Amino acid sequence: MIDWAAIATVFSVYAVGVVIPGPNFVAVAHKAASTSHREALAMVGGVVVVNLFWASCAILGIGIVFATFPWIALAVKVTGAAYLIWFGGRLLVKAGGAGAAVMQQEKSSYLQSFRAGFATNIANPKSTAFYAAVFASAAPKHVSLPTFIGMIATVAVVASLWYGFVAVVFATPSVAARYSRGKAWIDRICGSVIVALGIRQLVR
């Protein structure tokens, strides 16, 4: 039997959490504006897969695992922070490049874009903290298989729609053109924000 109340609770909590800008939003928006909506959507695929993984862990008790084995939480925290610092630093280093030339260099395969989305989200401290605390508390302790599938499907649909929307909007010619004109400053701002998130994660 499906617990629709539990699914509705998960939807309300996740819908609010996913739209709050973080590394995933920055990565997808940057990919869409600097390459194409197809590659950005491939990145979205990687982001969504990790969301499904974290949601499954949260429903099955990731908070308990982190509490029982704090070294796992620490390892996830440090690894994620290191990746964010590297990713943000890479944006800062490439920020000075010329628009068209850099956009050509940044083109990648769909598989590479998928991997980039996967890596960004798996290292995203916002995702880890959200699923371990907020999402886990919203999900009931014991769920039936149909309810579990319903919760996972909810996460998949909401994440795909939101990040897909971001990918399509930022890949539109007008937005991409504005990005190209202000690429250096936009990349510096995005890179600085991501590096700051990584450093914040380390010192918390």
Protein backbone atom coordinates (compact mmCIF):
# COMPACT_ATOMS: atom_id res chain seq x y z
CA MET A 1 0.00 0.00 0.00
CA ILE A 2 1.30 3.46 -0.92
CA ASP A 3 1.61 6.05 1.82
CA TRP A 4 0.58 9.14 -0.14
CA ALA A 5 0.99 11.40 2.89
CA ALA A 6 4.65 10.39 3.20
CA ILE A 7 5.22 10.98 -0.51
CA ALA A 8 3.55 14.41 -0.27
CA THR A 9 5.80 15.31 2.67
CA VAL A 10 8.91 14.24 0.78
CA PHE A 11 7.75 16.24 -2.25
CA SER A 12 7.20 19.44 -0.25
CA VAL A 13 10.56 19.15 1.51
CA TYR A 14 12.53 18.20 -1.60
CA ALA A 15 10.91 20.76 -3.89
CA VAL A 16 12.03 23.54 -1.55
CA GLY A 17 15.50 22.09 -1.06
CA VAL A 18 16.29 21.48 -4.72
CA VAL A 19 15.52 25.01 -5.93
CA ILE A 20 17.89 26.65 -3.44
CA PRO A 21 20.97 27.53 -5.55
CA GLY A 22 24.11 25.56 -4.84
CA PRO A 23 27.01 23.90 -6.72
CA ASN A 24 24.63 21.82 -8.83
CA PHE A 25 22.76 24.91 -10.04
CA VAL A 26 26.01 26.74 -10.83
CA ALA A 27 27.49 23.76 -12.68
CA VAL A 28 24.39 23.14 -14.82
CA ALA A 29 23.88 26.83 -15.61
CA HIS A 30 27.55 27.24 -16.54
CA LYS A 31 27.53 24.13 -18.73
CA ALA A 32 24.34 25.25 -20.53
CA ALA A 33 25.57 28.78 -21.18
CA SER A 34 29.06 27.74 -22.27
CA THR A 35 28.24 24.69 -24.41
CA SER A 36 24.72 23.53 -25.35
CA HIS A 37 21.48 22.45 -23.76
CA ARG A 38 22.14 18.84 -24.81
CA GLU A 39 25.40 18.66 -22.89
CA ALA A 40 23.79 20.48 -19.97
CA LEU A 41 20.98 17.93 -19.95
CA ALA A 42 23.58 15.15 -19.93
CA MET A 43 25.05 16.82 -16.85
CA VAL A 44 21.55 16.98 -15.36
CA GLY A 45 21.37 13.21 -15.82
CA GLY A 46 24.46 12.79 -13.62
CA VAL A 47 23.03 15.14 -11.01
CA VAL A 48 19.71 13.28 -10.93
CA VAL A 49 21.37 9.86 -10.55
CA VAL A 50 23.24 11.06 -7.47
CA ASN A 51 20.03 12.59 -6.08
CA LEU A 52 18.38 9.19 -6.40
CA PHE A 53 21.33 7.57 -4.64
CA TRP A 54 21.26 10.03 -1.72
CA ALA A 55 17.47 9.84 -1.47
CA SER A 56 17.65 6.04 -1.28
CA CYS A 57 20.35 6.25 1.40
CA ALA A 58 18.29 8.78 3.38
CA ILE A 59 15.19 6.62 3.30
CA LEU A 60 17.23 3.57 4.31
CA GLY A 61 18.97 5.42 7.14
CA ILE A 62 22.08 7.36 6.06
CA GLY A 63 21.81 9.55 9.16
CA ILE A 64 22.23 6.48 11.34
CA VAL A 65 25.28 5.38 9.33
CA PHE A 66 26.94 8.79 9.67
CA ALA A 67 26.18 8.87 13.40
CA THR A 68 27.55 5.35 13.93
CA PHE A 69 30.61 5.82 11.74
CA PRO A 70 31.57 9.51 11.97
CA TRP A 71 34.75 8.90 9.98
CA ILE A 72 32.59 8.16 6.93
CA ALA A 73 30.85 11.52 7.31
CA LEU A 74 34.27 13.20 7.72
CA ALA A 75 35.65 11.47 4.60
CA VAL A 76 32.62 12.54 2.55
CA LYS A 77 32.96 16.08 3.91
CA VAL A 78 36.68 16.45 3.11
CA THR A 79 36.44 14.79 -0.31
CA GLY A 80 33.48 16.94 -1.28
CA ALA A 81 35.16 20.13 -0.10
CA ALA A 82 38.34 19.29 -2.00
CA TYR A 83 36.40 18.71 -5.21
CA LEU A 84 34.48 21.95 -4.88
CA ILE A 85 37.69 23.90 -4.32
CA TRP A 86 39.24 22.24 -7.37
CA PHE A 87 36.14 22.83 -9.51
CA GLY A 88 35.83 26.48 -8.47
CA GLY A 89 39.56 27.04 -8.91
CA ARG A 90 39.34 25.62 -12.42
CA LEU A 91 36.65 28.15 -13.28
CA LEU A 92 38.78 30.97 -11.89
CA VAL A 93 41.82 29.89 -13.90
CA LYS A 94 39.82 29.66 -17.14
CA ALA A 95 37.89 32.88 -16.51
CA GLY A 96 40.24 35.06 -18.50
CA GLY A 97 39.81 33.17 -21.79
CA ALA A 98 38.14 34.68 -24.83
CA GLY A 99 34.48 33.78 -25.26
CA ALA A 100 34.32 31.77 -28.49
CA ALA A 101 37.71 30.13 -28.04
CA VAL A 102 37.00 29.02 -24.52
CA MET A 103 33.53 27.80 -25.43
CA GLN A 104 35.10 25.63 -28.11
CA GLN A 105 37.61 24.24 -25.58
CA GLU A 106 34.86 23.51 -23.09
CA LYS A 107 32.87 21.34 -25.45
CA SER A 108 32.83 17.75 -24.27
CA SER A 109 31.05 14.51 -24.91
CA TYR A 110 27.71 13.71 -23.35
CA LEU A 111 29.39 11.04 -21.23
CA GLN A 112 31.91 13.57 -19.91
CA SER A 113 29.09 15.96 -19.10
CA PHE A 114 27.20 13.18 -17.30
CA ARG A 115 30.32 12.34 -15.30
CA ALA A 116 30.83 16.00 -14.44
CA GLY A 117 27.25 16.25 -13.12
CA PHE A 118 27.71 13.05 -11.15
CA ALA A 119 31.00 14.21 -9.63
CA THR A 120 29.68 17.68 -8.79
CA ASN A 121 26.64 16.33 -6.96
CA ILE A 122 28.35 13.42 -5.20
CA ALA A 123 30.83 15.97 -3.81
CA ASN A 124 28.15 18.56 -3.07
CA PRO A 125 28.06 19.21 0.70
CA LYS A 126 24.62 20.80 0.35
CA SER A 127 23.22 17.53 -1.01
CA THR A 128 24.90 15.40 1.64
CA ALA A 129 23.71 17.58 4.51
CA PHE A 130 20.20 17.94 3.08
CA TYR A 131 19.63 14.23 2.59
CA ALA A 132 21.30 13.17 5.83
CA ALA A 133 19.28 15.59 7.95
CA VAL A 134 16.25 17.28 6.37
CA PHE A 135 15.20 14.62 3.85
CA ALA A 136 15.84 11.73 6.24
CA SER A 137 13.68 13.35 8.91
CA ALA A 138 10.85 13.87 6.41
CA ALA A 139 10.81 10.23 5.33
CA PRO A 140 9.04 7.74 7.62
CA LYS A 141 11.21 5.17 9.40
CA HIS A 142 9.50 2.21 7.77
CA VAL A 143 8.18 2.36 4.21
CA SER A 144 6.67 -0.23 1.94
CA LEU A 145 8.27 -0.95 -1.42
CA PRO A 146 5.54 0.92 -3.36
CA THR A 147 6.01 3.96 -1.09
CA PHE A 148 9.78 3.79 -1.50
CA ILE A 149 9.41 3.69 -5.29
CA GLY A 150 6.97 6.60 -5.10
CA MET A 151 9.44 8.69 -3.09
CA ILE A 152 12.31 7.92 -5.46
CA ALA A 153 10.11 8.72 -8.47
CA THR A 154 9.18 12.03 -6.84
CA VAL A 155 12.85 12.94 -6.45
CA ALA A 156 13.60 11.91 -10.03
CA VAL A 157 10.75 13.97 -11.52
CA VAL A 158 11.34 17.11 -9.43
CA ALA A 159 15.11 17.10 -9.95
CA SER A 160 14.80 16.42 -13.69
CA LEU A 161 12.22 19.18 -14.19
CA TRP A 162 14.09 21.79 -12.16
CA TYR A 163 17.61 21.22 -13.44
CA GLY A 164 16.28 20.56 -16.94
CA PHE A 165 14.55 23.95 -16.79
CA VAL A 166 17.82 25.58 -15.69
CA ALA A 167 19.68 23.87 -18.54
CA VAL A 168 17.19 24.97 -21.20
CA VAL A 169 16.91 28.56 -19.94
CA PHE A 170 20.65 29.16 -19.68
CA ALA A 171 21.24 27.59 -23.10
CA THR A 172 18.86 29.98 -24.89
CA PRO A 173 20.69 32.24 -27.37
CA SER A 174 19.96 35.45 -25.47
CA VAL A 175 21.17 34.12 -22.12
CA ALA A 176 24.16 32.37 -23.71
CA ALA A 177 25.09 35.59 -25.53
CA ARG A 178 24.99 37.57 -22.29
CA TYR A 179 27.10 34.89 -20.67
CA SER A 180 29.63 35.04 -23.50
CA ARG A 181 29.94 38.82 -23.15
CA GLY A 182 30.38 38.69 -19.40
CA LYS A 183 32.08 35.29 -19.25
CA ALA A 184 35.20 36.34 -17.40
CA TRP A 185 33.33 38.03 -14.56
CA ILE A 186 30.59 35.41 -14.39
CA ASP A 187 33.14 32.60 -14.18
CA ARG A 188 35.09 34.49 -11.53
CA ILE A 189 31.93 34.95 -9.46
CA CYS A 190 30.81 31.32 -9.92
CA GLY A 191 34.29 30.02 -9.21
CA SER A 192 34.64 32.16 -6.11
CA VAL A 193 31.25 31.04 -4.78
CA ILE A 194 32.09 27.35 -5.29
CA VAL A 195 35.55 27.72 -3.71
CA ALA A 196 33.97 29.54 -0.76
CA LEU A 197 31.46 26.70 -0.36
CA GLY A 198 34.31 24.19 -0.34
CA ILE A 199 36.31 26.13 2.23
CA ARG A 200 33.21 26.63 4.36
CA GLN A 201 32.63 22.90 4.26
CA LEU A 202 36.17 22.23 5.51
CA VAL A 203 36.08 24.65 8.43
CA ARG A 204 32.57 23.87 9.69
